[in-house]
Amino acid sequence: MNFVPYNRHILVNLCEEPEEEKNNVIVLPSDYEKPKSPYVLCDVIDVADDCETNIKQMQRVIAERRMLHTIEVNNQEFYLVLENYIYGRVNED
């Protein structure tokens, strides 16, 4: 299925965050989850035609996590973020 974003949205794929497994001296409850960063690293899949930023496909960007919209269609998840909530691009030198 090909998904094309509209209305200044950017279709992204979330980059996997490596889980750290350490032997802690402090005992935590079994349901404890480490607080997540308010920002997330994403790979750009597609950009709406009316976006005014110069973000292009296959670039890595930083977006605000709470502004990601998850859409599920035919058991496939898509992540959209409005261009205003992209805070930067990661240059891989």
C-alpha atoms as a PDB file:
ATOM      1  CA  MET A   1       0.000   0.000   0.000  1.00  0.00           C
ATOM      2  CA  ASN A   2       1.332   3.435  -0.925  1.00  0.00           C
ATOM      3  CA  PHE A   3       0.452   6.232   1.516  1.00  0.00           C
ATOM      4  CA  VAL A   4       0.872   9.863   0.401  1.00  0.00           C
ATOM      5  CA  PRO A   5       0.682  12.643   3.020  1.00  0.00           C
ATOM      6  CA  TYR A   6      -1.298  15.880   2.474  1.00  0.00           C
ATOM      7  CA  ASN A   7      -1.847  19.192   4.303  1.00  0.00           C
ATOM      8  CA  ARG A   8       1.767  19.932   5.315  1.00  0.00           C
ATOM      9  CA  HIS A   9       2.234  16.501   6.905  1.00  0.00           C
ATOM     10  CA  ILE A  10       5.358  14.388   6.736  1.00  0.00           C
ATOM     11  CA  LEU A  11       5.202  10.587   6.689  1.00  0.00           C
ATOM     12  CA  VAL A  12       7.929   9.179   8.927  1.00  0.00           C
ATOM     13  CA  ASN A  13       9.234   5.889  10.219  1.00  0.00           C
ATOM     14  CA  LEU A  14      10.337   5.844  13.858  1.00  0.00           C
ATOM     15  CA  CYS A  15      13.945   4.890  14.475  1.00  0.00           C
ATOM     16  CA  GLU A  16      14.253   2.096  16.970  1.00  0.00           C
ATOM     17  CA  GLU A  17      15.636   3.148  20.319  1.00  0.00           C
ATOM     18  CA  PRO A  18      18.066   0.604  21.743  1.00  0.00           C
ATOM     19  CA  GLU A  19      16.979  -0.732  25.085  1.00  0.00           C
ATOM     20  CA  GLU A  20      19.618  -0.608  27.733  1.00  0.00           C
ATOM     21  CA  GLU A  21      19.790  -3.589  29.983  1.00  0.00           C
ATOM     22  CA  LYS A  22      21.808  -2.971  33.102  1.00  0.00           C
ATOM     23  CA  ASN A  23      22.078  -4.678  36.426  1.00  0.00           C
ATOM     24  CA  ASN A  24      20.636  -2.090  38.765  1.00  0.00           C
ATOM     25  CA  VAL A  25      21.412  -1.950  42.432  1.00  0.00           C
ATOM     26  CA  ILE A  26      18.038  -0.277  42.981  1.00  0.00           C
ATOM     27  CA  VAL A  27      15.045  -2.602  42.831  1.00  0.00           C
ATOM     28  CA  LEU A  28      12.277  -1.188  40.652  1.00  0.00           C
ATOM     29  CA  PRO A  29       8.686  -2.392  40.232  1.00  0.00           C
ATOM     30  CA  SER A  30       8.242  -4.867  37.389  1.00  0.00           C
ATOM     31  CA  ASP A  31       5.910  -2.473  35.522  1.00  0.00           C
ATOM     32  CA  TYR A  32       8.324   0.482  35.742  1.00  0.00           C
ATOM     33  CA  GLU A  33       9.088   2.158  32.420  1.00  0.00           C
ATOM     34  CA  LYS A  34      11.869   4.646  31.958  1.00  0.00           C
ATOM     35  CA  PRO A  35      10.432   8.041  30.953  1.00  0.00           C
ATOM     36  CA  LYS A  36      10.716   8.593  27.214  1.00  0.00           C
ATOM     37  CA  SER A  37      12.322  11.636  25.693  1.00  0.00           C
ATOM     38  CA  PRO A  38       9.840  14.249  24.421  1.00  0.00           C
ATOM     39  CA  TYR A  39      11.668  14.036  21.073  1.00  0.00           C
ATOM     40  CA  VAL A  40      12.066  11.144  18.681  1.00  0.00           C
ATOM     41  CA  LEU A  41      14.392  10.385  15.789  1.00  0.00           C
ATOM     42  CA  CYS A  42      12.558   9.585  12.533  1.00  0.00           C
ATOM     43  CA  ASP A  43      13.371   8.659   8.958  1.00  0.00           C
ATOM     44  CA  VAL A  44      11.369  10.628   6.383  1.00  0.00           C
ATOM     45  CA  ILE A  45       9.423   8.409   4.005  1.00  0.00           C
ATOM     46  CA  ASP A  46       7.422  11.049   2.116  1.00  0.00           C
ATOM     47  CA  VAL A  47       6.606  14.757   2.317  1.00  0.00           C
ATOM     48  CA  ALA A  48       3.350  16.499   1.357  1.00  0.00           C
ATOM     49  CA  ASP A  49       3.628  18.679  -1.742  1.00  0.00           C
ATOM     50  CA  ASP A  50       2.587  21.812   0.173  1.00  0.00           C
ATOM     51  CA  CYS A  51       5.334  21.567   2.843  1.00  0.00           C
ATOM     52  CA  GLU A  52       7.486  24.682   2.989  1.00  0.00           C
ATOM     53  CA  THR A  53      10.472  23.038   4.654  1.00  0.00           C
ATOM     54  CA  ASN A  54      13.268  21.638   2.542  1.00  0.00           C
ATOM     55  CA  ILE A  55      13.040  18.191   4.115  1.00  0.00           C
ATOM     56  CA  LYS A  56      13.344  15.385   1.621  1.00  0.00           C
ATOM     57  CA  GLN A  57      12.790  11.641   1.580  1.00  0.00           C
ATOM     58  CA  MET A  58      15.374   9.431   3.287  1.00  0.00           C
ATOM     59  CA  GLN A  59      16.566  12.175   5.649  1.00  0.00           C
ATOM     60  CA  ARG A  60      16.691  11.677   9.400  1.00  0.00           C
ATOM     61  CA  VAL A  61      14.843  14.308  11.463  1.00  0.00           C
ATOM     62  CA  ILE A  62      13.986  15.065  15.079  1.00  0.00           C
ATOM     63  CA  ALA A  63      10.282  15.486  15.856  1.00  0.00           C
ATOM     64  CA  GLU A  64       8.164  16.105  18.933  1.00  0.00           C
ATOM     65  CA  ARG A  65       6.946  12.693  20.128  1.00  0.00           C
ATOM     66  CA  ARG A  66       3.522  13.792  21.375  1.00  0.00           C
ATOM     67  CA  MET A  67       2.696  15.377  18.010  1.00  0.00           C
ATOM     68  CA  LEU A  68       3.104  12.136  16.049  1.00  0.00           C
ATOM     69  CA  HIS A  69      -0.168  10.819  14.693  1.00  0.00           C
ATOM     70  CA  THR A  70      -0.433   7.057  14.362  1.00  0.00           C
ATOM     71  CA  ILE A  71      -2.754   5.818  11.650  1.00  0.00           C
ATOM     72  CA  GLU A  72      -3.527   2.133  11.195  1.00  0.00           C
ATOM     73  CA  VAL A  73      -4.825   0.972   7.812  1.00  0.00           C
ATOM     74  CA  ASN A  74      -5.082  -2.701   6.860  1.00  0.00           C
ATOM     75  CA  ASN A  75      -2.936  -3.732   9.845  1.00  0.00           C
ATOM     76  CA  GLN A  76      -0.175  -1.326   8.785  1.00  0.00           C
ATOM     77  CA  GLU A  77       0.888   1.574  10.988  1.00  0.00           C
ATOM     78  CA  PHE A  78       1.799   4.952   9.524  1.00  0.00           C
ATOM     79  CA  TYR A  79       3.243   7.879  11.467  1.00  0.00           C
ATOM     80  CA  LEU A  80       2.499  11.445  10.428  1.00  0.00           C
ATOM     81  CA  VAL A  81       3.839  14.671  11.864  1.00  0.00           C
ATOM     82  CA  LEU A  82       2.958  18.216  10.878  1.00  0.00           C
ATOM     83  CA  GLU A  83       5.966  20.072   9.456  1.00  0.00           C
ATOM     84  CA  ASN A  84       5.820  22.603  12.350  1.00  0.00           C
ATOM     85  CA  TYR A  85       6.844  19.862  14.793  1.00  0.00           C
ATOM     86  CA  ILE A  86      10.030  18.878  12.985  1.00  0.00           C
ATOM     87  CA  TYR A  87      12.816  20.545  14.965  1.00  0.00           C
ATOM     88  CA  GLY A  88      15.846  19.621  12.945  1.00  0.00           C
ATOM     89  CA  ARG A  89      17.576  17.386  10.493  1.00  0.00           C
ATOM     90  CA  VAL A  90      20.420  15.027  11.392  1.00  0.00           C
ATOM     91  CA  ASN A  91      23.448  15.354   9.120  1.00  0.00           C
ATOM     92  CA  GLU A  92      25.296  12.074   8.908  1.00  0.00           C
ATOM     93  CA  ASP A  93      28.869  13.028   8.028  1.00  0.00           C
END
